[in-house]
Structures are given as structure tokens and as C-alpha cells.
Amino acid sequence: MLILGALRDGVISPESCLRAARHVRGAKAVLFEDEGHWIGRESPARLVREVAVYLEELRLAESGLPVGLPTESTYGGPGAAGSAQAGH
């Protein structure tokens, strides 16, 4: 499960996103640093990129290849507050 959140979201706190990820085995949380509640409107290209990365991670996991390759989010790239994976 991919859980997307934003540090400037006035509706759903970043803490809630991270808490959800901790409680769902294998979940991945990605927090957007400069966005608010409407991530898809504020950063559509970044949203698409994060979903694509997640889908590739799922594909690799199913194929038995190593998962957890560094992504822009993992290391705080442009606009990234970070990501967390639960159950690992």
C-alpha cells in the first residue's frame, strides 16, 4: 500500500500518514514537503513519478529481484520530505 501525505496538509497530518504506514505491513509512506492537501493538483508530475516508483518496487518484489533501491523521496530530493516503509 502506498500512502501519500504532505507536510503542509491542513486536513490529514503527516503523523497520521506515518502512523497508517506503520500499521499496514509492507506499506510505504511518501511525504511531500511543499504541498498541501491537493498533492495531485499541486505536483501532478511528482505524484505520477512516486506512483511509478512504487509500482516498479511491487514488480521487482514479485519477480524476486532486490527491492528498496534509492528513490528521490528516500533521500530527500526536490520537494521530498522523505519516505518510510513499514513491516521491513
C-alpha atoms as a PDB file:
ATOM      1  CA  MET A   1       0.000   0.000   0.000  1.00  0.00           C
ATOM      2  CA  LEU A   2       1.294   3.429  -0.943  1.00  0.00           C
ATOM      3  CA  ILE A   3       0.349   6.209   1.465  1.00  0.00           C
ATOM      4  CA  LEU A   4       0.931   9.743   0.232  1.00  0.00           C
ATOM      5  CA  GLY A   5       0.939  12.735   2.539  1.00  0.00           C
ATOM      6  CA  ALA A   6       2.120  16.313   2.705  1.00  0.00           C
ATOM      7  CA  LEU A   7       3.790  18.312   5.430  1.00  0.00           C
ATOM      8  CA  ARG A   8       1.544  21.312   4.713  1.00  0.00           C
ATOM      9  CA  ASP A   9      -1.702  19.342   4.648  1.00  0.00           C
ATOM     10  CA  GLY A  10      -4.225  21.018   6.940  1.00  0.00           C
ATOM     11  CA  VAL A  11      -6.632  18.071   6.749  1.00  0.00           C
ATOM     12  CA  ILE A  12      -4.531  14.922   7.257  1.00  0.00           C
ATOM     13  CA  SER A  13      -1.407  15.297   9.361  1.00  0.00           C
ATOM     14  CA  PRO A  14       1.929  13.826   8.287  1.00  0.00           C
ATOM     15  CA  GLU A  15       1.939  11.939  11.575  1.00  0.00           C
ATOM     16  CA  SER A  16      -1.335  10.242  10.592  1.00  0.00           C
ATOM     17  CA  CYS A  17       0.190   9.108   7.290  1.00  0.00           C
ATOM     18  CA  LEU A  18       3.242   7.682   9.022  1.00  0.00           C
ATOM     19  CA  ARG A  19       1.091   6.026  11.695  1.00  0.00           C
ATOM     20  CA  ALA A  20      -1.013   4.376   8.994  1.00  0.00           C
ATOM     21  CA  ALA A  21       2.110   3.099   7.248  1.00  0.00           C
ATOM     22  CA  ARG A  22       3.442   1.625  10.485  1.00  0.00           C
ATOM     23  CA  HIS A  23       0.215  -0.308  10.983  1.00  0.00           C
ATOM     24  CA  VAL A  24      -0.020  -1.811   7.500  1.00  0.00           C
ATOM     25  CA  ARG A  25       2.600  -4.459   6.805  1.00  0.00           C
ATOM     26  CA  GLY A  26       4.630  -3.581   3.720  1.00  0.00           C
ATOM     27  CA  ALA A  27       3.124  -0.105   3.395  1.00  0.00           C
ATOM     28  CA  LYS A  28       5.223   2.744   2.067  1.00  0.00           C
ATOM     29  CA  ALA A  29       4.632   6.360   3.078  1.00  0.00           C
ATOM     30  CA  VAL A  30       5.874   9.251   0.975  1.00  0.00           C
ATOM     31  CA  LEU A  31       5.625  12.771   2.374  1.00  0.00           C
ATOM     32  CA  PHE A  32       5.677  15.776   0.074  1.00  0.00           C
ATOM     33  CA  GLU A  33       7.445  18.744   1.641  1.00  0.00           C
ATOM     34  CA  ASP A  34       5.998  21.759  -0.184  1.00  0.00           C
ATOM     35  CA  GLU A  35       2.484  20.526  -0.946  1.00  0.00           C
ATOM     36  CA  GLY A  36      -0.778  20.672   0.958  1.00  0.00           C
ATOM     37  CA  HIS A  37      -3.882  18.507   0.804  1.00  0.00           C
ATOM     38  CA  TRP A  38      -4.204  18.564  -3.015  1.00  0.00           C
ATOM     39  CA  ILE A  39      -0.981  16.802  -3.998  1.00  0.00           C
ATOM     40  CA  GLY A  40      -2.369  15.822  -7.408  1.00  0.00           C
ATOM     41  CA  ARG A  41      -3.155  19.423  -8.281  1.00  0.00           C
ATOM     42  CA  GLU A  42      -0.061  20.937  -6.721  1.00  0.00           C
ATOM     43  CA  SER A  43       2.560  18.489  -8.039  1.00  0.00           C
ATOM     44  CA  PRO A  44       0.993  16.161 -10.619  1.00  0.00           C
ATOM     45  CA  ALA A  45       4.298  15.128 -12.216  1.00  0.00           C
ATOM     46  CA  ARG A  46       5.833  14.255  -8.858  1.00  0.00           C
ATOM     47  CA  LEU A  47       2.720  12.306  -7.896  1.00  0.00           C
ATOM     48  CA  VAL A  48       2.922  10.270 -11.101  1.00  0.00           C
ATOM     49  CA  ARG A  49       6.633   9.668 -10.516  1.00  0.00           C
ATOM     50  CA  GLU A  50       6.074   8.429  -6.938  1.00  0.00           C
ATOM     51  CA  VAL A  51       3.311   6.055  -8.055  1.00  0.00           C
ATOM     52  CA  ALA A  52       5.528   4.774 -10.889  1.00  0.00           C
ATOM     53  CA  VAL A  53       8.387   4.136  -8.445  1.00  0.00           C
ATOM     54  CA  TYR A  54       6.023   2.266  -6.132  1.00  0.00           C
ATOM     55  CA  LEU A  55       4.635   0.134  -8.955  1.00  0.00           C
ATOM     56  CA  GLU A  56       8.174  -0.711 -10.061  1.00  0.00           C
ATOM     57  CA  GLU A  57       9.018  -1.719  -6.489  1.00  0.00           C
ATOM     58  CA  LEU A  58       5.987  -4.032  -6.478  1.00  0.00           C
ATOM     59  CA  ARG A  59       7.026  -5.515  -9.817  1.00  0.00           C
ATOM     60  CA  LEU A  60      10.551  -6.149  -8.532  1.00  0.00           C
ATOM     61  CA  ALA A  61       9.213  -7.713  -5.333  1.00  0.00           C
ATOM     62  CA  GLU A  62       7.046 -10.107  -7.328  1.00  0.00           C
ATOM     63  CA  SER A  63       9.952 -11.012  -9.595  1.00  0.00           C
ATOM     64  CA  GLY A  64      12.233 -11.777  -6.666  1.00  0.00           C
ATOM     65  CA  LEU A  65      14.709  -9.037  -7.567  1.00  0.00           C
ATOM     66  CA  PRO A  66      16.104  -6.751  -4.835  1.00  0.00           C
ATOM     67  CA  VAL A  67      13.665  -4.074  -3.690  1.00  0.00           C
ATOM     68  CA  GLY A  68      14.389  -0.830  -1.896  1.00  0.00           C
ATOM     69  CA  LEU A  69      16.545   0.875  -4.461  1.00  0.00           C
ATOM     70  CA  PRO A  70      17.060   4.524  -3.516  1.00  0.00           C
ATOM     71  CA  THR A  71      14.460   6.924  -4.861  1.00  0.00           C
ATOM     72  CA  GLU A  72      14.363  10.687  -4.885  1.00  0.00           C
ATOM     73  CA  SER A  73      11.973  10.563  -1.921  1.00  0.00           C
ATOM     74  CA  THR A  74      14.166   8.280   0.129  1.00  0.00           C
ATOM     75  CA  TYR A  75      16.990  10.784   0.210  1.00  0.00           C
ATOM     76  CA  GLY A  76      15.026  13.994   0.333  1.00  0.00           C
ATOM     77  CA  GLY A  77      15.283  15.015  -3.310  1.00  0.00           C
ATOM     78  CA  PRO A  78      13.483  18.083  -4.669  1.00  0.00           C
ATOM     79  CA  GLY A  79      10.248  18.551  -2.764  1.00  0.00           C
ATOM     80  CA  ALA A  80      10.704  15.380  -0.774  1.00  0.00           C
ATOM     81  CA  ALA A  81      10.332  15.210   2.949  1.00  0.00           C
ATOM     82  CA  GLY A  82      11.094  11.518   2.926  1.00  0.00           C
ATOM     83  CA  SER A  83       9.557   8.129   2.791  1.00  0.00           C
ATOM     84  CA  ALA A  84       9.114   5.282   5.185  1.00  0.00           C
ATOM     85  CA  GLN A  85       8.341   1.615   4.712  1.00  0.00           C
ATOM     86  CA  ALA A  86       6.562  -0.393   7.337  1.00  0.00           C
ATOM     87  CA  GLY A  87       6.959  -4.056   8.066  1.00  0.00           C
ATOM     88  CA  HIS A  88      10.582  -4.341   6.944  1.00  0.00           C
END
